[in-house]
Amino acid sequence: MITWREIEEPQGELEQERARDEPTWRDLARLLRPDGTVFNSNERRERDGADDPFDSTPLYSLDDFVGGTFTKAINPAERWFELGIQDKDLEQFKPVKQWLWSTADVCYASLHPGHDNFYLHAPAWFGDMGAFGTGFMWQEELVGQNGIIAKNLPIGESYKCVDAQGMTERYHRKFVLKGYQAKTRFKGRADVSGFNDSQTYTFILAVFPNDNYRPGSPFARSFRYTTVYVCEHLKDFGVQEFYQSFPVHEIEWSQRSGRAWATGPGHNALADMRGNDEIARSVIIGAQFDAEPMWWAQDEDVLTAADIQPNGVLYGDALRDKPPAQILERSKQMALPLQLQQDLRNQIRKAFHFGLSQVMANRPQMTAQEVLAYNADELKILAPHLVRIQRGLASFIARRFALLQRMGRLAPPPPELAQSGQSVTIEFVSPFAKAQQAAVAQGVMSWVKTKVDLQSATQDPEWTDDIDKDGVSAVLHDAMSGVPAVRLDPRDVAAKRQARAQAQQQQLETAQAAQQAEIIANVSHAQQASTLAKTRAA
């Protein structure tokens, strides 16, 4: 059993690595996450407002970033991922395509807020990435409850190390629990008699590769990863579990060479946010001097601060035609700091990809075509960042698929897919991909219409000889719907066309037979009439 003694040394190394970034994180947290400025699990400090930022633009920009990322990456109102296989010809086979679609439906159903917290915790996941460059999500099966739970892991409690390829290979979470909470959490999994209900204990959750990993083994101790819970105060306490896949899902904004931790939009905007905060402080002070200016008096017997109030009366003799007290004017240029503040605010919004909504606010007269053009440009700019986010989402969906399969919630695949040995892949349906599909469909329809118009104008049927109506239908189907149930399998289409051709052939043969019978009857009548005429003439 692994205990605190085995985890203490690697934990110290991870803390040393993270300490390089913590000073910057504290600056970012003050401006972007005022409620989350603590990065030590043993430090308990509540927000008191004494060090709050003077301007809320960074907070609003981060909220816009989270909302935009949520909408563009995992919008629950749309299908934002699909399941596929490497063999695209086999994937178009209707039983296979229908199974992939229905299996994705089961995955979507498991993410519903009524069953899981994924959509509730995803904003915090994206928020950590936007502010600090990295976000963590935990996912595991609730054994015995036929459910799966997903939750965001606070970055202030998270530690990690990466391998030579920059991939996270070890994750630690350092957190505290009261004794009664520890008893509830670990009851039945370890000896909890040593916990005092009112005492606070520090725990570490460690996730790392299992030294006893045996590929294909059905035994848990041979699974690929192991997790352990250890306690700093109870050195002999330990809970060890095993997982087939890494239960921690990480999203990063921008990796750095030679560093374990990534950077995010917050790092890019940090200088502007610091400048904006200082300018905001100066503007507030300037506004206070305008609203409550300083007074100049000969001595405190003439005027005190308590005497300055609305509708007040000041008594005193004029000295050399001058009032006994007067406002002390200060030279000030408020236009310059206000303009600088506005420029810094725009830079902060730009760093968080504030884009389209700000453009629309400044230009409410924009046409629908202009809005679509700006939206397309925004998607193009965000495309490389969405790829980084999708890497973390891919591991999440792949693990969700594996958990549902192990729980028996997925239907067996068609024999053709099972026999092929093809593995299921995750394919994301981003807004950018949808916009591209719509543009392709528009281009195809424009090409077909042009060809038909040329045929009509020239009366030359060869203009439409190279149009493949099945190919056009496939492009329109993928761009407009993609639902496999509404499109027949190519074999069914071929059978339907063959039956139609046979019916048309039979109808043609029947018409020809009737026409021949009519001709024979007419000839027979003509012969009879000719014979009768000859008989009468004789």
Protein backbone atom coordinates (compact mmCIF):
# COMPACT_ATOMS: atom_id res chain seq x y z
CA MET A 1 0.00 0.00 0.00
CA ILE A 2 1.33 3.41 -0.99
CA THR A 3 1.29 5.95 1.86
CA TRP A 4 2.43 9.52 2.54
CA ARG A 5 6.07 8.49 2.73
CA GLU A 6 6.14 7.45 -0.95
CA ILE A 7 4.25 10.56 -2.16
CA GLU A 8 5.99 13.25 -0.10
CA GLU A 9 9.13 13.50 -2.26
CA PRO A 10 7.41 13.72 -5.70
CA GLN A 11 4.95 16.21 -4.20
CA GLY A 12 7.85 18.44 -3.17
CA GLU A 13 9.26 18.33 -6.70
CA LEU A 14 5.89 19.27 -8.22
CA GLU A 15 5.49 22.16 -5.77
CA GLN A 16 8.95 23.42 -6.67
CA GLU A 17 8.08 23.35 -10.39
CA ARG A 18 4.79 25.19 -9.86
CA ALA A 19 6.40 27.81 -7.61
CA ARG A 20 7.95 29.39 -10.73
CA ASP A 21 4.49 30.39 -11.97
CA GLU A 22 2.67 31.18 -8.72
CA PRO A 23 3.71 34.89 -8.47
CA THR A 24 2.21 35.54 -11.90
CA TRP A 25 -0.87 33.50 -11.00
CA ARG A 26 -1.46 35.69 -7.94
CA ASP A 27 -1.40 38.83 -10.08
CA LEU A 28 -3.77 37.20 -12.55
CA ALA A 29 -6.08 35.99 -9.79
CA ARG A 30 -6.35 39.46 -8.25
CA LEU A 31 -7.51 40.92 -11.57
CA LEU A 32 -9.49 37.95 -12.97
CA ARG A 33 -10.43 35.72 -10.02
CA PRO A 34 -10.57 37.87 -6.84
CA ASP A 35 -12.20 34.97 -4.97
CA GLY A 36 -9.40 32.55 -5.89
CA THR A 37 -6.13 34.25 -4.95
CA VAL A 38 -4.96 31.44 -2.62
CA PHE A 39 -2.67 28.77 -4.08
CA ASN A 40 -1.86 26.97 -0.85
CA SER A 41 -4.34 24.43 0.53
CA ASN A 42 -3.24 25.21 4.10
CA GLU A 43 -3.90 28.94 3.74
CA ARG A 44 -7.47 30.01 4.44
CA ARG A 45 -8.21 33.58 3.41
CA GLU A 46 -11.55 35.09 2.52
CA ARG A 47 -12.05 37.94 0.08
CA ASP A 48 -12.31 41.18 2.05
CA GLY A 49 -12.36 43.70 -0.79
CA ALA A 50 -9.23 45.52 0.36
CA ASP A 51 -7.23 44.41 -2.67
CA ASP A 52 -10.03 44.20 -5.23
CA PRO A 53 -9.30 45.62 -8.71
CA PHE A 54 -10.44 49.17 -9.47
CA ASP A 55 -11.96 48.21 -12.84
CA SER A 56 -14.11 45.18 -13.73
CA THR A 57 -13.24 45.02 -17.44
CA PRO A 58 -10.96 41.95 -16.96
CA LEU A 59 -13.74 40.14 -15.08
CA TYR A 60 -16.28 40.85 -17.81
CA SER A 61 -13.79 39.88 -20.52
CA LEU A 62 -13.07 36.54 -18.86
CA ASP A 63 -16.82 35.90 -18.57
CA ASP A 64 -17.20 36.66 -22.28
CA PHE A 65 -14.30 34.32 -23.04
CA VAL A 66 -15.88 31.52 -21.01
CA GLY A 67 -19.30 32.05 -22.60
CA GLY A 68 -17.86 32.19 -26.12
CA THR A 69 -15.73 29.08 -25.60
CA PHE A 70 -18.66 27.21 -24.09
CA THR A 71 -20.90 28.12 -27.04
CA LYS A 72 -18.32 27.39 -29.74
CA ALA A 73 -16.88 24.18 -28.23
CA ILE A 74 -19.56 22.32 -26.22
CA ASN A 75 -22.90 24.02 -26.86
CA PRO A 76 -25.45 21.59 -25.33
CA ALA A 77 -28.10 22.81 -27.80
CA GLU A 78 -26.10 21.33 -30.70
CA ARG A 79 -24.23 18.15 -31.56
CA TRP A 80 -20.64 19.24 -30.93
CA PHE A 81 -18.97 15.87 -31.48
CA GLU A 82 -19.60 12.70 -33.46
CA LEU A 83 -18.14 9.20 -33.41
CA GLY A 84 -16.31 7.87 -36.45
CA ILE A 85 -13.86 5.24 -37.67
CA GLN A 86 -10.77 5.39 -39.87
CA ASP A 87 -12.36 3.47 -42.77
CA LYS A 88 -14.62 6.17 -44.27
CA ASP A 89 -16.21 3.77 -46.78
CA LEU A 90 -17.29 1.45 -43.98
CA GLU A 91 -18.42 4.47 -41.98
CA GLN A 92 -20.92 5.37 -44.74
CA PHE A 93 -22.44 1.87 -44.53
CA LYS A 94 -25.85 2.64 -43.03
CA PRO A 95 -25.89 0.08 -40.16
CA VAL A 96 -22.46 1.32 -39.08
CA LYS A 97 -23.38 4.98 -39.49
CA GLN A 98 -26.63 4.48 -37.58
CA TRP A 99 -24.78 2.71 -34.73
CA LEU A 100 -22.21 5.50 -34.47
CA TRP A 101 -24.99 8.10 -34.40
CA SER A 102 -27.09 6.30 -31.77
CA THR A 103 -23.99 5.60 -29.64
CA ALA A 104 -23.15 9.31 -29.69
CA ASP A 105 -26.74 9.95 -28.57
CA VAL A 106 -26.11 7.77 -25.50
CA CYS A 107 -22.96 9.77 -24.74
CA TYR A 108 -24.91 13.03 -25.05
CA ALA A 109 -27.63 11.67 -22.75
CA SER A 110 -25.02 10.79 -20.11
CA LEU A 111 -23.81 14.43 -20.15
CA HIS A 112 -27.29 15.83 -19.50
CA PRO A 113 -27.35 18.12 -16.43
CA GLY A 114 -29.95 15.83 -14.89
CA HIS A 115 -27.39 13.00 -14.78
CA ASP A 116 -23.97 14.65 -14.67
CA ASN A 117 -22.30 17.93 -13.66
CA PHE A 118 -20.18 18.28 -16.80
CA TYR A 119 -22.03 21.28 -18.28
CA LEU A 120 -22.19 22.88 -14.81
CA HIS A 121 -18.45 22.56 -14.17
CA ALA A 122 -17.26 23.26 -17.73
CA PRO A 123 -17.40 27.10 -17.31
CA ALA A 124 -14.97 26.87 -14.36
CA TRP A 125 -12.81 24.53 -16.45
CA PHE A 126 -12.65 27.05 -19.30
CA GLY A 127 -12.25 29.93 -16.83
CA ASP A 128 -9.09 28.41 -15.34
CA MET A 129 -7.69 27.99 -18.84
CA GLY A 130 -8.53 31.59 -19.77
CA ALA A 131 -7.05 33.05 -16.60
CA PHE A 132 -4.06 30.77 -15.95
CA GLY A 133 -3.61 28.81 -19.20
CA THR A 134 -4.59 25.38 -17.85
CA GLY A 135 -7.78 23.72 -16.59
CA PHE A 136 -8.42 20.28 -15.10
CA MET A 137 -11.55 18.09 -15.10
CA TRP A 138 -12.02 14.83 -13.17
CA GLN A 139 -14.21 11.98 -14.48
CA GLU A 140 -14.97 8.65 -12.86
CA GLU A 141 -17.65 5.98 -12.61
CA LEU A 142 -19.84 5.91 -9.51
CA VAL A 143 -19.45 2.22 -8.78
CA GLY A 144 -22.70 0.64 -7.64
CA GLN A 145 -24.76 3.71 -8.58
CA ASN A 146 -24.80 3.19 -12.37
CA GLY A 147 -23.61 6.75 -12.94
CA ILE A 148 -20.63 8.87 -13.94
CA ILE A 149 -19.47 12.07 -12.26
CA ALA A 150 -17.42 14.91 -13.76
CA LYS A 151 -16.14 17.88 -11.78
CA ASN A 152 -13.67 20.73 -12.18
CA LEU A 153 -10.43 20.50 -10.19
CA PRO A 154 -9.29 23.89 -8.78
CA ILE A 155 -5.98 24.97 -10.25
CA GLY A 156 -4.87 26.24 -6.83
CA GLU A 157 -4.91 22.63 -5.59
CA SER A 158 -3.37 21.09 -8.74
CA TYR A 159 0.20 20.03 -9.45
CA LYS A 160 1.63 18.18 -12.45
CA CYS A 161 4.73 17.11 -14.35
CA VAL A 162 5.13 16.44 -18.07
CA ASP A 163 7.12 13.98 -20.15
CA ALA A 164 9.57 14.71 -22.97
CA GLN A 165 6.67 15.30 -25.39
CA GLY A 166 5.05 17.86 -23.08
CA MET A 167 2.19 15.51 -22.12
CA THR A 168 1.08 15.37 -18.49
CA GLU A 169 2.23 12.07 -16.99
CA ARG A 170 1.61 12.71 -13.29
CA TYR A 171 -1.07 14.76 -11.52
CA HIS A 172 -1.42 15.63 -7.82
CA ARG A 173 -4.20 17.41 -6.01
CA LYS A 174 -3.53 18.78 -2.52
CA PHE A 175 -6.68 19.53 -0.55
CA VAL A 176 -8.05 19.62 2.99
CA LEU A 177 -11.00 17.86 4.63
CA LYS A 178 -12.51 17.90 8.07
CA GLY A 179 -12.36 14.61 9.93
CA TYR A 180 -16.08 13.91 9.50
CA GLN A 181 -15.78 14.60 5.76
CA ALA A 182 -12.86 12.17 5.48
CA LYS A 183 -14.86 9.49 7.27
CA THR A 184 -17.76 9.90 4.85
CA ARG A 185 -15.54 9.96 1.77
CA PHE A 186 -13.30 7.00 2.59
CA LYS A 187 -15.68 4.83 4.58
CA GLY A 188 -15.44 1.24 3.36
CA ARG A 189 -12.26 1.99 1.41
CA ALA A 190 -9.80 2.42 4.29
CA ASP A 191 -9.53 2.54 8.08
CA VAL A 192 -11.06 5.90 9.10
CA SER A 193 -11.03 5.39 12.86
CA GLY A 194 -8.00 7.69 13.25
CA PHE A 195 -9.82 10.82 12.04
CA ASN A 196 -11.11 13.37 14.56
CA ASP A 197 -14.39 14.91 13.36
CA SER A 198 -13.44 18.53 14.12
CA GLN A 199 -9.79 18.42 13.03
CA THR A 200 -8.61 19.51 9.57
CA TYR A 201 -6.47 17.09 7.55
CA THR A 202 -4.37 17.62 4.42
CA PHE A 203 -4.73 15.01 1.69
CA ILE A 204 -2.98 14.41 -1.61
CA LEU A 205 -4.57 12.65 -4.57
CA ALA A 206 -1.84 11.31 -6.86
CA VAL A 207 -2.45 9.92 -10.36
CA PHE A 208 0.45 8.29 -12.20
CA PRO A 209 1.32 5.30 -14.45
CA ASN A 210 1.05 1.88 -12.83
CA ASP A 211 4.39 0.05 -12.61
CA ASN A 212 2.52 -3.28 -12.81
CA TYR A 213 0.63 -2.42 -16.00
CA ARG A 214 -0.15 -5.47 -18.15
CA PRO A 215 -1.92 -4.72 -21.47
CA GLY A 216 -5.09 -6.76 -21.90
CA SER A 217 -5.17 -8.00 -18.33
CA PRO A 218 -8.67 -8.11 -16.78
CA PHE A 219 -7.32 -7.57 -13.26
CA ALA A 220 -7.54 -4.06 -11.79
CA ARG A 221 -4.02 -4.13 -10.36
CA SER A 222 -2.71 -4.48 -13.92
CA PHE A 223 -4.58 -1.42 -15.26
CA ARG A 224 -2.61 1.37 -16.89
CA TYR A 225 -2.93 4.03 -14.16
CA THR A 226 -3.13 4.05 -10.40
CA THR A 227 -4.50 6.69 -8.02
CA VAL A 228 -3.73 6.99 -4.32
CA TYR A 229 -5.12 9.13 -1.53
CA VAL A 230 -2.66 9.81 1.30
CA CYS A 231 -2.85 11.99 4.41
CA GLU A 232 -0.09 14.25 5.73
CA HIS A 233 -1.21 13.89 9.34
CA LEU A 234 -1.85 10.12 9.29
CA LYS A 235 1.26 8.77 7.61
CA ASP A 236 -0.05 5.19 7.35
CA PHE A 237 -3.36 6.13 5.71
CA GLY A 238 -3.71 5.21 2.05
CA VAL A 239 -6.41 4.40 -0.52
CA GLN A 240 -5.24 2.94 -3.82
CA GLU A 241 -7.38 2.50 -6.96
CA PHE A 242 -6.70 1.62 -10.59
CA TYR A 243 -7.94 3.03 -13.91
CA GLN A 244 -7.72 1.93 -17.53
CA SER A 245 -7.44 5.55 -18.75
CA PHE A 246 -6.20 8.79 -17.21
CA PRO A 247 -9.13 10.17 -15.13
CA VAL A 248 -7.86 13.77 -15.25
CA HIS A 249 -8.62 15.73 -18.42
CA GLU A 250 -6.49 18.79 -19.11
CA ILE A 251 -7.08 21.70 -21.48
CA GLU A 252 -4.28 24.14 -22.28
CA TRP A 253 -4.19 27.40 -24.21
CA SER A 254 -0.53 27.81 -25.19
CA GLN A 255 2.30 25.49 -24.18
CA ARG A 256 5.80 26.78 -23.44
CA SER A 257 9.04 25.04 -24.32
CA GLY A 258 10.80 23.72 -21.23
CA ARG A 259 7.94 24.61 -18.87
CA ALA A 260 5.28 22.32 -17.42
CA TRP A 261 2.55 24.96 -17.19
CA ALA A 262 0.91 26.70 -20.15
CA THR A 263 -0.03 30.34 -20.57
CA GLY A 264 -3.46 31.73 -21.40
CA PRO A 265 -5.15 34.92 -22.62
CA GLY A 266 -4.70 36.31 -19.11
CA HIS A 267 -0.91 36.19 -19.49
CA ASN A 268 -1.14 38.11 -22.77
CA ALA A 269 -3.33 40.79 -21.20
CA LEU A 270 -1.50 41.03 -17.85
CA ALA A 271 0.48 44.20 -18.67
CA ASP A 272 -2.64 45.92 -20.02
CA MET A 273 -4.68 44.81 -17.00
CA ARG A 274 -2.07 46.20 -14.59
CA GLY A 275 -1.96 49.51 -16.48
CA ASN A 276 -5.74 49.69 -16.68
CA ASP A 277 -6.05 49.06 -12.94
CA GLU A 278 -3.61 51.88 -12.14
CA ILE A 279 -5.31 54.26 -14.58
CA ALA A 280 -8.71 53.36 -13.10
CA ARG A 281 -7.38 54.19 -9.63
CA SER A 282 -6.13 57.57 -10.87
CA VAL A 283 -9.43 58.32 -12.62
CA ILE A 284 -11.37 57.51 -9.47
CA ILE A 285 -9.13 59.82 -7.42
CA GLY A 286 -9.51 62.56 -10.03
CA ALA A 287 -13.30 62.18 -9.93
CA GLN A 288 -13.20 62.42 -6.14
CA PHE A 289 -11.24 65.67 -6.31
CA ASP A 290 -13.82 67.04 -8.75
CA ALA A 291 -16.76 65.99 -6.59
CA GLU A 292 -15.13 66.85 -3.26
CA PRO A 293 -12.34 69.41 -3.90
CA MET A 294 -9.85 70.53 -1.28
CA TRP A 295 -10.49 73.81 0.59
CA TRP A 296 -7.95 76.46 1.45
CA ALA A 297 -8.50 78.19 4.77
CA GLN A 298 -6.34 80.38 6.98
CA ASP A 299 -6.64 78.05 9.98
CA GLU A 300 -8.94 75.33 11.29
CA ASP A 301 -10.94 77.88 13.27
CA VAL A 302 -12.33 79.12 9.95
CA LEU A 303 -13.23 75.78 8.37
CA THR A 304 -12.89 72.05 9.07
CA ALA A 305 -13.81 69.03 6.97
CA ALA A 306 -16.89 68.53 9.13
CA ASP A 307 -18.17 71.97 8.06
CA ILE A 308 -18.22 71.01 4.37
CA GLN A 309 -21.73 69.74 3.69
CA PRO A 310 -24.57 70.40 1.26
CA ASN A 311 -26.70 73.46 2.06
CA GLY A 312 -24.19 74.58 4.69
CA VAL A 313 -23.41 78.20 5.65
CA LEU A 314 -19.88 79.51 6.28
CA TYR A 315 -19.55 82.62 8.47
CA GLY A 316 -16.52 84.88 8.53
CA ASP A 317 -15.09 88.27 7.58
CA ALA A 318 -13.48 88.86 4.23
CA LEU A 319 -9.78 89.59 4.43
CA ARG A 320 -8.62 92.12 1.84
CA ASP A 321 -11.70 91.36 -0.28
CA LYS A 322 -10.90 87.62 -0.21
CA PRO A 323 -13.19 84.98 1.30
CA PRO A 324 -11.99 83.33 4.53
CA ALA A 325 -11.96 79.95 2.71
CA GLN A 326 -11.87 78.96 -0.94
CA ILE A 327 -11.52 75.88 -3.14
CA LEU A 328 -7.94 74.91 -3.94
CA GLU A 329 -7.90 74.39 -7.69
CA ARG A 330 -5.70 71.62 -9.11
CA SER A 331 -4.51 71.50 -12.69
CA LYS A 332 -5.88 68.32 -14.28
CA GLN A 333 -6.37 66.77 -17.71
CA MET A 334 -9.01 64.04 -17.35
CA ALA A 335 -9.40 63.50 -21.11
CA LEU A 336 -5.98 61.86 -21.47
CA PRO A 337 -6.36 59.19 -18.74
CA LEU A 338 -9.91 58.45 -19.85
CA GLN A 339 -8.74 57.87 -23.43
CA LEU A 340 -5.84 55.72 -22.23
CA GLN A 341 -8.21 53.73 -20.04
CA GLN A 342 -10.53 53.09 -22.98
CA ASP A 343 -7.59 51.94 -25.13
CA LEU A 344 -6.41 49.54 -22.42
CA ARG A 345 -9.92 48.16 -22.00
CA ASN A 346 -10.11 47.43 -25.72
CA GLN A 347 -6.74 45.68 -25.60
CA ILE A 348 -7.94 43.50 -22.72
CA ARG A 349 -11.10 42.59 -24.62
CA LYS A 350 -9.02 41.80 -27.69
CA ALA A 351 -6.73 39.49 -25.70
CA PHE A 352 -9.77 37.50 -24.57
CA HIS A 353 -11.16 37.40 -28.14
CA PHE A 354 -14.00 39.76 -27.31
CA GLY A 355 -14.41 40.38 -31.08
CA LEU A 356 -17.84 40.20 -32.64
CA SER A 357 -20.08 41.40 -29.80
CA GLN A 358 -18.01 44.59 -29.37
CA VAL A 359 -18.06 45.25 -33.13
CA MET A 360 -21.85 44.82 -33.19
CA ALA A 361 -22.24 47.14 -30.19
CA ASN A 362 -20.24 49.86 -31.95
CA ARG A 363 -22.03 49.32 -35.28
CA PRO A 364 -25.69 48.47 -34.59
CA GLN A 365 -26.55 49.27 -38.24
CA MET A 366 -24.58 46.24 -39.55
CA THR A 367 -26.35 44.14 -42.16
CA ALA A 368 -26.92 40.41 -41.77
CA GLN A 369 -24.26 39.74 -44.41
CA GLU A 370 -21.71 41.82 -42.48
CA VAL A 371 -22.52 39.96 -39.27
CA LEU A 372 -21.97 36.61 -41.02
CA ALA A 373 -18.66 37.85 -42.42
CA TYR A 374 -17.44 39.02 -39.00
CA ASN A 375 -18.59 35.75 -37.44
CA ALA A 376 -16.66 33.75 -40.05
CA ASP A 377 -13.53 35.84 -39.41
CA GLU A 378 -13.86 35.34 -35.65
CA LEU A 379 -14.18 31.57 -36.12
CA LYS A 380 -11.07 31.52 -38.31
CA ILE A 381 -9.10 33.35 -35.61
CA LEU A 382 -10.34 30.97 -32.91
CA ALA A 383 -9.82 27.80 -34.96
CA PRO A 384 -6.26 27.04 -33.75
CA HIS A 385 -7.29 27.64 -30.14
CA LEU A 386 -10.33 25.38 -30.50
CA VAL A 387 -7.99 22.60 -31.63
CA ARG A 388 -6.11 22.84 -28.31
CA ILE A 389 -9.36 22.71 -26.39
CA GLN A 390 -10.60 19.78 -28.44
CA ARG A 391 -7.54 17.74 -27.49
CA GLY A 392 -8.66 17.82 -23.86
CA LEU A 393 -12.28 17.23 -24.83
CA ALA A 394 -11.27 14.22 -26.98
CA SER A 395 -9.78 12.41 -23.99
CA PHE A 396 -12.91 13.24 -21.97
CA ILE A 397 -15.31 11.80 -24.59
CA ALA A 398 -13.08 8.77 -25.22
CA ARG A 399 -13.11 7.94 -21.51
CA ARG A 400 -16.87 8.57 -21.31
CA PHE A 401 -17.35 6.12 -24.22
CA ALA A 402 -15.20 3.49 -22.48
CA LEU A 403 -17.05 3.91 -19.17
CA LEU A 404 -20.47 3.59 -20.81
CA GLN A 405 -19.30 0.52 -22.72
CA ARG A 406 -18.02 -1.13 -19.54
CA MET A 407 -21.30 -0.31 -17.77
CA GLY A 408 -23.26 -2.07 -20.55
CA ARG A 409 -25.05 1.09 -21.67
CA LEU A 410 -24.00 0.83 -25.35
CA ALA A 411 -25.55 -1.44 -27.97
CA PRO A 412 -23.18 -3.97 -29.62
CA PRO A 413 -21.67 -2.75 -32.92
CA PRO A 414 -22.83 -4.21 -36.28
CA PRO A 415 -21.00 -7.40 -37.33
CA GLU A 416 -19.32 -5.56 -40.21
CA LEU A 417 -17.76 -3.08 -37.76
CA ALA A 418 -16.90 -5.69 -35.13
CA GLN A 419 -15.15 -7.90 -37.69
CA SER A 420 -13.17 -5.01 -39.18
CA GLY A 421 -11.31 -4.31 -35.95
CA GLN A 422 -11.76 -0.55 -36.46
CA SER A 423 -11.46 1.59 -33.32
CA VAL A 424 -13.90 4.43 -32.66
CA THR A 425 -12.55 7.98 -33.01
CA ILE A 426 -13.87 11.33 -31.78
CA GLU A 427 -14.77 13.88 -34.45
CA PHE A 428 -15.63 17.40 -33.31
CA VAL A 429 -18.28 19.40 -35.11
CA SER A 430 -17.04 22.92 -34.45
CA PRO A 431 -18.90 26.02 -35.66
CA PHE A 432 -15.99 26.61 -38.03
CA ALA A 433 -16.44 23.14 -39.55
CA LYS A 434 -20.18 23.75 -39.85
CA ALA A 435 -19.55 27.07 -41.59
CA GLN A 436 -17.16 25.32 -43.97
CA GLN A 437 -19.74 22.61 -44.75
CA ALA A 438 -22.40 25.26 -45.42
CA ALA A 439 -20.02 27.09 -47.76
CA VAL A 440 -19.25 23.86 -49.63
CA ALA A 441 -22.98 23.09 -50.00
CA GLN A 442 -23.60 26.60 -51.32
CA GLY A 443 -20.80 26.20 -53.84
CA VAL A 444 -22.13 22.83 -55.03
CA MET A 445 -25.64 24.20 -55.53
CA SER A 446 -24.25 27.22 -57.40
CA TRP A 447 -22.22 24.89 -59.67
CA VAL A 448 -25.25 22.68 -60.40
CA LYS A 449 -27.48 25.69 -61.12
CA THR A 450 -24.89 27.16 -63.50
CA LYS A 451 -24.62 23.86 -65.39
CA VAL A 452 -28.40 23.56 -65.71
CA ASP A 453 -28.68 27.18 -66.92
CA LEU A 454 -26.00 26.54 -69.56
CA GLN A 455 -27.84 23.43 -70.76
CA SER A 456 -31.07 25.39 -70.98
CA ALA A 457 -29.40 28.26 -72.85
CA THR A 458 -27.48 26.10 -75.34
CA GLN A 459 -29.91 23.17 -75.56
CA ASP A 460 -26.85 20.94 -75.17
CA PRO A 461 -27.51 18.05 -72.72
CA GLU A 462 -23.80 17.33 -72.37
CA TRP A 463 -23.51 20.23 -69.94
CA THR A 464 -25.17 18.10 -67.20
CA ASP A 465 -23.68 14.73 -68.10
CA ASP A 466 -21.00 14.97 -65.40
CA ILE A 467 -23.37 15.85 -62.52
CA ASP A 468 -23.56 13.04 -59.97
CA LYS A 469 -26.89 13.51 -58.22
CA ASP A 470 -25.96 11.02 -55.49
CA GLY A 471 -22.78 12.98 -54.78
CA VAL A 472 -24.69 16.26 -54.63
CA SER A 473 -27.25 14.69 -52.29
CA ALA A 474 -24.48 13.41 -49.99
CA VAL A 475 -22.89 16.86 -49.71
CA LEU A 476 -26.24 18.53 -48.94
CA HIS A 477 -27.11 15.85 -46.38
CA ASP A 478 -23.86 16.28 -44.46
CA ALA A 479 -24.10 20.09 -44.52
CA MET A 480 -27.78 20.43 -43.60
CA SER A 481 -28.47 17.55 -41.24
CA GLY A 482 -26.15 14.57 -41.04
CA VAL A 483 -28.89 12.44 -39.46
CA PRO A 484 -28.35 8.94 -40.93
CA ALA A 485 -31.98 7.90 -40.46
CA VAL A 486 -33.24 10.28 -43.16
CA ARG A 487 -30.95 8.95 -45.90
CA LEU A 488 -31.25 5.46 -47.37
CA ASP A 489 -28.34 3.06 -47.58
CA PRO A 490 -26.78 3.02 -51.11
CA ARG A 491 -27.81 -0.64 -51.49
CA ASP A 492 -31.43 0.23 -50.71
CA VAL A 493 -31.25 3.10 -53.19
CA ALA A 494 -29.92 0.72 -55.87
CA ALA A 495 -32.67 -1.81 -55.14
CA LYS A 496 -35.30 0.94 -55.24
CA ARG A 497 -34.03 2.17 -58.59
CA GLN A 498 -33.89 -1.37 -59.97
CA ALA A 499 -37.49 -1.99 -58.90
CA ARG A 500 -38.53 1.31 -60.49
CA ALA A 501 -36.71 0.39 -63.72
CA GLN A 502 -38.36 -3.04 -63.76
CA ALA A 503 -41.78 -1.47 -63.20
CA GLN A 504 -41.14 1.05 -65.96
CA GLN A 505 -39.94 -1.73 -68.26
CA GLN A 506 -43.01 -3.81 -67.47
CA GLN A 507 -45.24 -0.80 -68.05
CA LEU A 508 -43.49 -0.15 -71.36
CA GLU A 509 -43.86 -3.78 -72.42
CA THR A 510 -47.55 -3.71 -71.50
CA ALA A 511 -48.04 -0.52 -73.50
CA GLN A 512 -46.17 -1.99 -76.45
CA ALA A 513 -48.25 -5.20 -76.28
CA ALA A 514 -51.45 -3.16 -76.21
CA GLN A 515 -50.23 -1.08 -79.13
CA GLN A 516 -49.33 -4.22 -81.10
CA ALA A 517 -52.73 -5.77 -80.34
CA GLU A 518 -54.39 -2.60 -81.53
CA ILE A 519 -52.36 -2.63 -84.75
CA ILE A 520 -53.19 -6.30 -85.37
CA ALA A 521 -56.86 -5.60 -84.75
CA ASN A 522 -56.81 -2.66 -87.14
CA VAL A 523 -55.07 -4.75 -89.83
CA SER A 524 -57.58 -7.55 -89.32
CA HIS A 525 -60.50 -5.14 -89.63
CA ALA A 526 -58.95 -3.66 -92.77
CA GLN A 527 -58.53 -7.11 -94.30
CA GLN A 528 -62.13 -8.03 -93.48
CA ALA A 529 -63.35 -4.79 -94.99
CA SER A 530 -61.30 -5.38 -98.14
CA THR A 531 -62.62 -8.93 -98.51
CA LEU A 532 -66.19 -7.78 -97.98
CA ALA A 533 -65.76 -5.03 -100.59
CA LYS A 534 -64.41 -7.49 -103.13
CA THR A 535 -67.29 -9.89 -102.47
CA ARG A 536 -69.84 -7.15 -103.04
CA ALA A 537 -68.09 -6.05 -106.26
CA ALA A 538 -68.21 -9.59 -107.59
